[in-house]
Protein backbone atom coordinates (compact mmCIF):
# COMPACT_ATOMS: atom_id res chain seq x y z
CA MET A 1 7.23 -5.80 32.20
CA GLU A 2 5.11 -4.48 29.12
CA LYS A 3 7.57 -4.39 25.93
CA LEU A 4 8.38 -1.11 24.22
CA VAL A 5 6.60 -0.20 20.92
CA SER A 6 8.32 1.90 18.20
CA ILE A 7 6.11 4.04 16.30
CA ILE A 8 7.92 5.22 13.11
CA ILE A 9 6.46 8.30 11.04
CA PRO A 10 7.68 9.29 7.62
CA CYS A 11 6.73 12.90 7.00
CA PHE A 12 7.24 15.15 3.91
CA ASN A 13 5.15 18.74 3.88
CA LYS A 14 2.05 17.17 5.86
CA GLU A 15 1.90 20.34 8.33
CA LYS A 16 -2.02 19.93 8.05
CA TRP A 17 -2.10 16.76 9.54
CA LEU A 18 1.20 16.03 11.33
CA LYS A 19 0.38 16.96 15.03
CA GLU A 20 -2.98 14.92 14.85
CA ALA A 21 -0.86 12.08 13.84
CA ILE A 22 1.88 12.60 16.47
CA ASP A 23 -0.79 13.26 19.27
CA SER A 24 -2.63 9.85 18.35
CA CYS A 25 0.47 8.15 19.21
CA LEU A 26 1.37 9.77 22.46
CA ASN A 27 -2.42 9.38 23.39
CA GLN A 28 -2.18 5.95 23.04
CA THR A 29 -3.39 3.64 26.37
CA TYR A 30 -0.69 1.47 26.08
CA PRO A 31 2.17 3.57 28.00
CA HIS A 32 5.38 1.98 26.56
CA ILE A 33 6.02 3.93 23.48
CA GLU A 34 8.46 5.74 21.46
CA VAL A 35 7.59 8.01 18.59
CA ILE A 36 10.15 8.46 15.76
CA VAL A 37 9.61 11.01 13.15
CA ILE A 38 11.85 11.01 10.33
CA ASP A 39 11.20 14.54 8.09
CA ASP A 40 11.96 13.79 4.59
CA GLY A 41 13.24 17.20 3.47
CA SER A 42 9.81 19.11 4.17
CA THR A 43 9.59 22.74 2.91
CA ASP A 44 6.37 23.49 4.87
CA ASN A 45 6.05 23.82 8.35
CA SER A 46 6.49 20.21 9.42
CA LEU A 47 9.96 20.45 10.86
CA GLU A 48 8.61 23.19 13.25
CA ILE A 49 5.84 21.31 13.93
CA ILE A 50 8.17 17.90 14.89
CA LYS A 51 10.78 20.18 17.13
CA SER A 52 7.81 21.59 19.14
CA TYR A 53 7.71 18.17 20.69
CA GLY A 54 11.09 18.59 22.31
CA THR A 55 12.19 15.10 24.12
CA LYS A 56 8.99 13.58 23.71
CA ILE A 57 9.76 12.33 20.40
CA ILE A 58 12.79 10.89 18.60
CA TRP A 59 13.05 12.67 15.35
CA GLU A 60 15.89 13.26 12.65
CA THR A 61 15.74 15.48 9.09
CA GLY A 62 17.47 15.33 6.00
CA GLU A 63 17.07 15.67 2.19
CA ASN A 64 14.07 14.29 0.45
CA ARG A 65 14.65 10.49 -0.29
CA GLY A 66 11.25 8.84 -0.12
CA ALA A 67 9.23 7.50 2.60
CA ASN A 68 10.58 4.30 2.26
CA TYR A 69 13.97 5.66 3.01
CA ALA A 70 12.59 7.43 6.13
CA ARG A 71 10.68 4.15 7.21
CA ASN A 72 13.86 2.25 7.20
CA ARG A 73 15.91 4.96 8.81
CA GLY A 74 13.18 5.22 11.55
CA PHE A 75 13.60 1.34 11.68
CA ILE A 76 17.41 1.73 12.74
CA LEU A 77 16.74 4.63 15.34
CA SER A 78 13.91 2.41 16.88
CA SER A 79 14.51 0.25 19.91
CA GLY A 80 10.85 -1.43 20.39
CA SER A 81 9.97 -5.04 20.50
CA TYR A 82 6.98 -4.17 18.07
CA ILE A 83 7.12 -2.04 15.29
CA GLN A 84 4.12 0.40 14.20
CA TYR A 85 4.17 2.26 10.72
CA LEU A 86 2.11 5.62 10.58
CA ASP A 87 1.54 7.92 7.43
CA ALA A 88 1.92 11.60 8.59
CA ASP A 89 -1.65 12.31 7.45
CA ASP A 90 -3.16 9.43 9.06
CA TYR A 91 -3.67 8.79 12.75
CA LEU A 92 -4.19 6.34 15.34
CA LEU A 93 -7.20 5.46 17.60
CA PRO A 94 -6.00 5.22 21.48
CA GLU A 95 -6.57 1.73 22.10
CA LYS A 96 -5.14 0.65 18.89
CA ILE A 97 -1.64 -0.32 20.29
CA ALA A 98 -2.82 -1.94 23.53
CA LYS A 99 -5.05 -4.33 21.46
CA GLN A 100 -2.56 -5.48 19.11
CA VAL A 101 0.24 -5.77 21.73
CA HIS A 102 -2.23 -7.95 23.81
CA CYS A 103 -2.97 -9.99 20.47
CA LEU A 104 0.41 -10.63 19.29
CA ALA A 105 1.61 -11.67 23.13
CA ALA A 106 -1.40 -14.22 23.28
CA THR A 107 -1.20 -15.83 19.76
CA GLY A 108 2.56 -15.77 19.19
CA ALA A 109 1.70 -14.23 15.40
CA ASP A 110 4.28 -12.10 13.88
CA VAL A 111 1.70 -9.58 12.60
CA VAL A 112 -1.64 -8.60 13.74
CA TYR A 113 -4.20 -6.44 11.34
CA SER A 114 -7.48 -4.96 12.29
CA ASP A 115 -10.51 -2.89 10.79
CA GLU A 116 -10.18 0.70 9.19
CA THR A 117 -11.97 3.70 8.99
CA HIS A 118 -11.53 5.61 5.87
CA ILE A 119 -12.30 9.54 5.32
CA THR A 120 -12.50 10.81 2.13
CA TYR A 121 -12.26 14.56 1.38
CA LEU A 122 -13.93 15.93 -1.57
CA PRO A 123 -13.41 18.93 -3.67
CA ASP A 124 -16.39 20.84 -2.26
CA GLY A 125 -14.97 20.49 1.63
CA LYS A 126 -17.20 17.84 2.41
CA SER A 127 -15.80 14.49 3.90
CA ILE A 128 -17.36 10.75 3.53
CA SER A 129 -16.40 8.49 6.47
CA THR A 130 -16.37 4.52 5.62
CA GLU A 131 -16.01 1.73 7.90
CA LEU A 132 -14.10 -1.13 6.04
CA LYS A 133 -14.15 -4.57 8.15
CA LEU A 134 -11.31 -6.89 7.20
CA ASP A 135 -12.50 -10.04 8.94
CA GLY A 136 -13.52 -11.76 5.90
CA LEU A 137 -9.90 -11.93 4.71
CA GLN A 138 -9.18 -15.41 3.10
CA GLU A 139 -6.70 -17.47 5.06
CA ASP A 140 -3.98 -17.43 2.34
CA LEU A 141 -3.32 -13.49 2.39
CA LEU A 142 -0.51 -13.58 0.19
CA GLU A 143 -3.10 -14.74 -2.64
CA LEU A 144 -5.01 -11.56 -1.46
CA PHE A 145 -1.83 -9.36 -1.56
CA LEU A 146 -0.85 -10.27 -4.99
CA CYS A 147 -4.03 -9.97 -6.49
CA CYS A 148 -4.94 -6.81 -4.50
CA LYS A 149 -8.64 -7.71 -4.54
CA ALA A 150 -8.71 -6.28 -1.19
CA TYR A 151 -5.97 -3.91 0.49
CA ILE A 152 -4.55 -3.07 4.09
CA GLN A 153 -3.01 0.26 4.61
CA THR A 154 0.26 1.02 5.68
CA ALA A 155 -0.70 1.82 9.52
CA ASN A 156 -3.04 -0.83 10.13
CA PRO A 157 -0.59 -3.84 10.94
CA LEU A 158 1.72 -3.98 14.15
CA PHE A 159 4.71 -6.32 13.71
CA LYS A 160 7.31 -7.97 15.75
CA ARG A 161 10.45 -6.68 15.60
CA GLU A 162 12.40 -9.79 14.39
CA LEU A 163 10.02 -9.58 11.39
CA ILE A 164 11.27 -6.52 10.19
CA ALA A 165 14.85 -7.27 11.28
CA ASN A 166 15.17 -10.04 9.18
CA SER A 167 13.26 -8.92 6.07
CA SER A 168 14.86 -6.55 3.24
CA GLY A 169 13.09 -3.92 4.55
CA TRP A 170 10.99 -1.04 2.87
CA ASP A 171 12.36 -1.16 -0.98
CA GLU A 172 13.57 2.21 -1.82
CA THR A 173 13.55 1.98 -5.50
CA LEU A 174 9.63 2.22 -5.23
CA LYS A 175 7.85 5.43 -5.40
CA ALA A 176 4.36 3.96 -5.10
CA ALA A 177 3.07 0.75 -4.45
CA GLN A 178 5.28 0.72 -1.35
CA ASP A 179 3.01 -1.15 1.00
CA ILE A 180 1.76 -3.77 -1.63
CA ASP A 181 5.15 -4.81 -2.08
CA PHE A 182 6.01 -4.73 1.46
CA PHE A 183 3.00 -6.88 2.70
CA ARG A 184 3.81 -9.33 0.13
CA THR A 185 7.60 -9.58 0.81
CA VAL A 186 7.33 -10.20 4.45
CA THR A 187 4.44 -12.69 3.43
CA MET A 188 6.36 -14.42 0.88
CA ASP A 189 9.41 -14.52 4.05
CA GLY A 190 6.52 -16.78 6.28
CA ALA A 191 5.27 -14.04 8.42
CA ARG A 192 2.25 -15.20 10.50
CA PHE A 193 -0.91 -12.74 10.10
CA ILE A 194 -3.93 -12.78 12.56
CA TYR A 195 -6.83 -10.60 12.78
CA GLU A 196 -8.15 -8.85 15.81
CA PRO A 197 -11.33 -6.96 15.40
CA GLY A 198 -12.18 -3.35 16.16
CA PHE A 199 -11.44 0.14 14.06
CA TYR A 200 -8.08 1.34 15.45
CA LEU A 201 -6.94 3.29 12.17
CA VAL A 202 -8.22 6.21 10.41
CA TYR A 203 -6.74 6.21 6.91
CA ARG A 204 -7.17 9.95 4.90
CA ARG A 205 -8.08 10.01 1.17
CA TYR A 206 -7.43 13.16 -0.29
CA GLU A 207 -6.08 14.90 -3.45
CA SER A 208 -2.62 16.68 -3.24
CA ASP A 209 -0.01 17.87 -5.53
CA ASP A 210 2.96 16.34 -3.60
CA ARG A 211 1.49 12.84 -3.43
CA ILE A 212 3.10 10.41 -6.16
CA THR A 213 -0.02 8.64 -6.38
CA CYS A 214 -1.64 11.52 -8.02
CA ASN A 215 0.23 10.88 -11.17
CA LEU A 216 -1.83 7.30 -12.21
CA ASP A 217 0.74 6.57 -14.71
CA ASN A 218 3.36 6.57 -12.05
CA VAL A 219 1.01 4.55 -9.63
CA TRP A 220 0.47 1.65 -12.39
CA LYS A 221 4.26 1.80 -13.08
CA PHE A 222 5.50 0.96 -9.39
CA ARG A 223 2.66 -1.60 -9.11
CA LEU A 224 4.02 -3.26 -12.25
CA LEU A 225 7.54 -3.27 -10.73
CA ALA A 226 6.59 -4.29 -7.43
CA THR A 227 4.46 -7.42 -9.28
CA GLU A 228 7.15 -8.23 -11.43
CA LYS A 229 9.41 -8.45 -8.57
CA ALA A 230 6.94 -10.57 -6.38
CA GLU A 231 6.64 -13.11 -9.36
CA LYS A 232 10.36 -13.47 -9.40
CA LYS A 233 10.76 -14.33 -5.83
CA LEU A 234 7.87 -16.55 -5.74
CA LEU A 235 9.97 -18.32 -8.51
CA GLU A 236 13.17 -18.32 -6.66
CA LEU A 237 11.27 -19.73 -3.77
CA ASP A 238 9.67 -22.29 -6.07
CA LYS A 239 6.24 -21.40 -4.40
CA LEU A 240 4.58 -20.29 -7.82
CA SER A 241 1.53 -22.17 -7.43
CA THR A 242 -1.40 -22.40 -9.61
CA LYS A 243 -3.21 -20.20 -7.42
CA TYR A 244 -0.70 -17.47 -7.22
CA LYS A 245 -0.24 -17.57 -11.06
CA LYS A 246 -4.02 -16.95 -11.25
CA ALA A 247 -3.59 -13.92 -8.65
CA LEU A 248 -0.53 -12.35 -10.49
CA ALA A 249 -2.47 -12.62 -13.79
CA TYR A 250 -5.57 -10.75 -12.37
CA PHE A 251 -3.36 -7.77 -11.42
CA TYR A 252 -1.26 -7.95 -14.31
CA CYS A 253 -4.49 -7.34 -16.15
CA LYS A 254 -5.40 -4.45 -14.25
CA ILE A 255 -2.15 -2.76 -14.68
CA ALA A 256 -2.70 -3.57 -18.56
CA LEU A 257 -6.25 -2.29 -18.64
CA PHE A 258 -5.47 0.91 -16.27
CA GLY A 259 -1.85 1.50 -16.57
CA CYS A 260 -1.92 1.16 -20.26
CA SER A 261 -1.23 4.78 -21.10
CA TYR A 262 2.59 4.71 -19.92
CA LEU A 263 2.81 1.21 -21.71
CA ASN A 264 4.39 1.41 -25.18
CA TYR A 265 2.40 -1.44 -27.88
CA VAL A 266 5.41 -3.80 -27.41
CA GLN A 267 5.35 -3.54 -23.56
CA HIS A 268 1.65 -3.88 -23.51
CA LEU A 269 1.33 -6.85 -25.68
CA GLY A 270 4.48 -8.41 -23.59
CA LEU A 271 2.12 -8.14 -20.60
CA LEU A 272 -1.16 -9.61 -22.28
CA LYS A 273 1.12 -12.33 -23.40
CA LYS A 274 2.27 -12.88 -19.71
CA ILE A 275 -1.22 -12.84 -18.34
CA ILE A 276 -2.14 -15.57 -20.68
CA THR A 277 1.02 -17.75 -20.02
CA LEU A 278 0.36 -17.54 -15.82
CA ASP A 279 -3.48 -18.29 -16.51
CA PRO A 280 -4.36 -19.62 -20.07
CA SER A 281 -7.98 -19.64 -19.20
CA PHE A 282 -7.82 -15.95 -17.77
CA HIS A 283 -10.42 -13.34 -18.61
CA PRO A 284 -11.55 -10.06 -16.45
CA ASP A 285 -14.23 -10.63 -14.10
CA ARG A 286 -17.13 -8.17 -13.49
CA TYR A 287 -15.19 -6.70 -10.36
CA MET A 288 -12.57 -5.57 -12.16
CA PHE A 289 -14.63 -2.46 -13.89
CA LYS A 290 -16.17 0.67 -12.51
CA SER A 291 -17.75 1.09 -15.53
CA GLY A 292 -17.65 -0.12 -19.24
CA GLY A 293 -17.16 -3.65 -18.09
CA ALA A 294 -20.05 -5.20 -20.17
CA ILE A 295 -18.76 -3.74 -23.38
CA TYR A 296 -15.19 -5.30 -22.75
CA ARG A 297 -16.34 -8.65 -21.78
CA ASN A 298 -18.57 -8.90 -24.90
CA LEU A 299 -15.54 -7.82 -26.95
CA ASN A 300 -13.29 -10.43 -25.13
CA LYS A 301 -15.91 -13.11 -26.09
CA ILE A 302 -15.95 -12.38 -29.70
CA PHE A 303 -12.03 -11.41 -30.46
CA GLY A 304 -10.60 -13.22 -27.43
CA PHE A 305 -8.29 -11.95 -24.46
CA LEU A 306 -5.14 -10.96 -26.37
CA THR A 307 -7.30 -9.23 -29.33
CA THR A 308 -9.63 -7.28 -27.21
CA GLY A 309 -6.47 -6.14 -25.09
CA ILE A 310 -4.86 -4.64 -28.17
CA ILE A 311 -8.32 -2.93 -29.24
CA TYR A 312 -8.53 -1.64 -25.75
CA LYS A 313 -5.00 -0.07 -25.83
CA PHE A 314 -5.63 1.40 -29.30
CA LEU A 315 -8.80 3.25 -28.03
CA LYS A 316 -7.24 4.26 -24.78
CA ASP A 317 -4.25 6.08 -26.66
CA LEU A 318 -6.75 7.57 -29.24
CA THR A 319 -8.92 8.97 -26.74
CA GLN A 320 -6.13 10.24 -24.97
CA ALA A 321 -4.64 11.86 -28.06
CA ILE A 322 -7.94 13.49 -28.72
CA SER A 323 -8.13 14.69 -25.47
CA VAL A 324 -5.00 16.19 -25.82
CA ASN A 325 -5.63 17.95 -28.85
CA SER A 326 -8.56 19.47 -27.85
CA ASN A 327 -7.13 21.49 -24.96
CA HIS A 328 -4.49 22.96 -27.20
């Protein structure tokens, strides 16, 4: 008999997308599925949409406690041998569960991931669809997750239940960088990942006032907390190798450069020193910048990484102050 798959959907004010997300679960070609929707205190019409499915889904509602609480609560309510997480504004393609269940059963791996389709919604109402093939990910996924040079979205993988049950779950103190932290944690715990080719997830990118990610300072703040957590765990496990130190230094640098507006000078300087401690030969590569990279690298050649980082922080704060004053 085929094993049950639990699909867990946290939902906060996603009435625009929610029905498509739930329907994409109910329309899977794999028949043994339970859909669990945790309404996280929605104030729009989401709860009414959830209730309209009756006994087709399992659902619960309560006060707003964050997506990670909802994911953990959904797991408690679940019975499946496999666990699929799905954000309420994304959706699965019909063969997603069948393909990935077969892959896990055939290989004995703990987690399977596949390719992704991203739809970006533009301010003018148009959208752009992009296919992201992930077959080229390196064998050491922990290194990849630490430096975040590539990315796996929350709903991409299918997990064996035992892996989630034996983990610390989703960190409810993090309001952003949640999936980064979760994937790092289960990988450090020894999860065996495998790739199954095919596009089975549609991930949406758009601007929304209720998204914590709209506040970029918050994004980088929680990315820093999650990365410090990963570094601490690697130290505890005695796994902080040179390779992982370099990966951490790379991502700490991204935080220092692009999240520096929420750091004071003492914090910023401390982060720059941490980068040098982890990787004494570190310097930002050309992939770290969308623009202005050549200027930064030239300054780095003249003044060195530490001084250039301080100059960058000063110029960033100065630009922000001028922008604020010009708006008053």
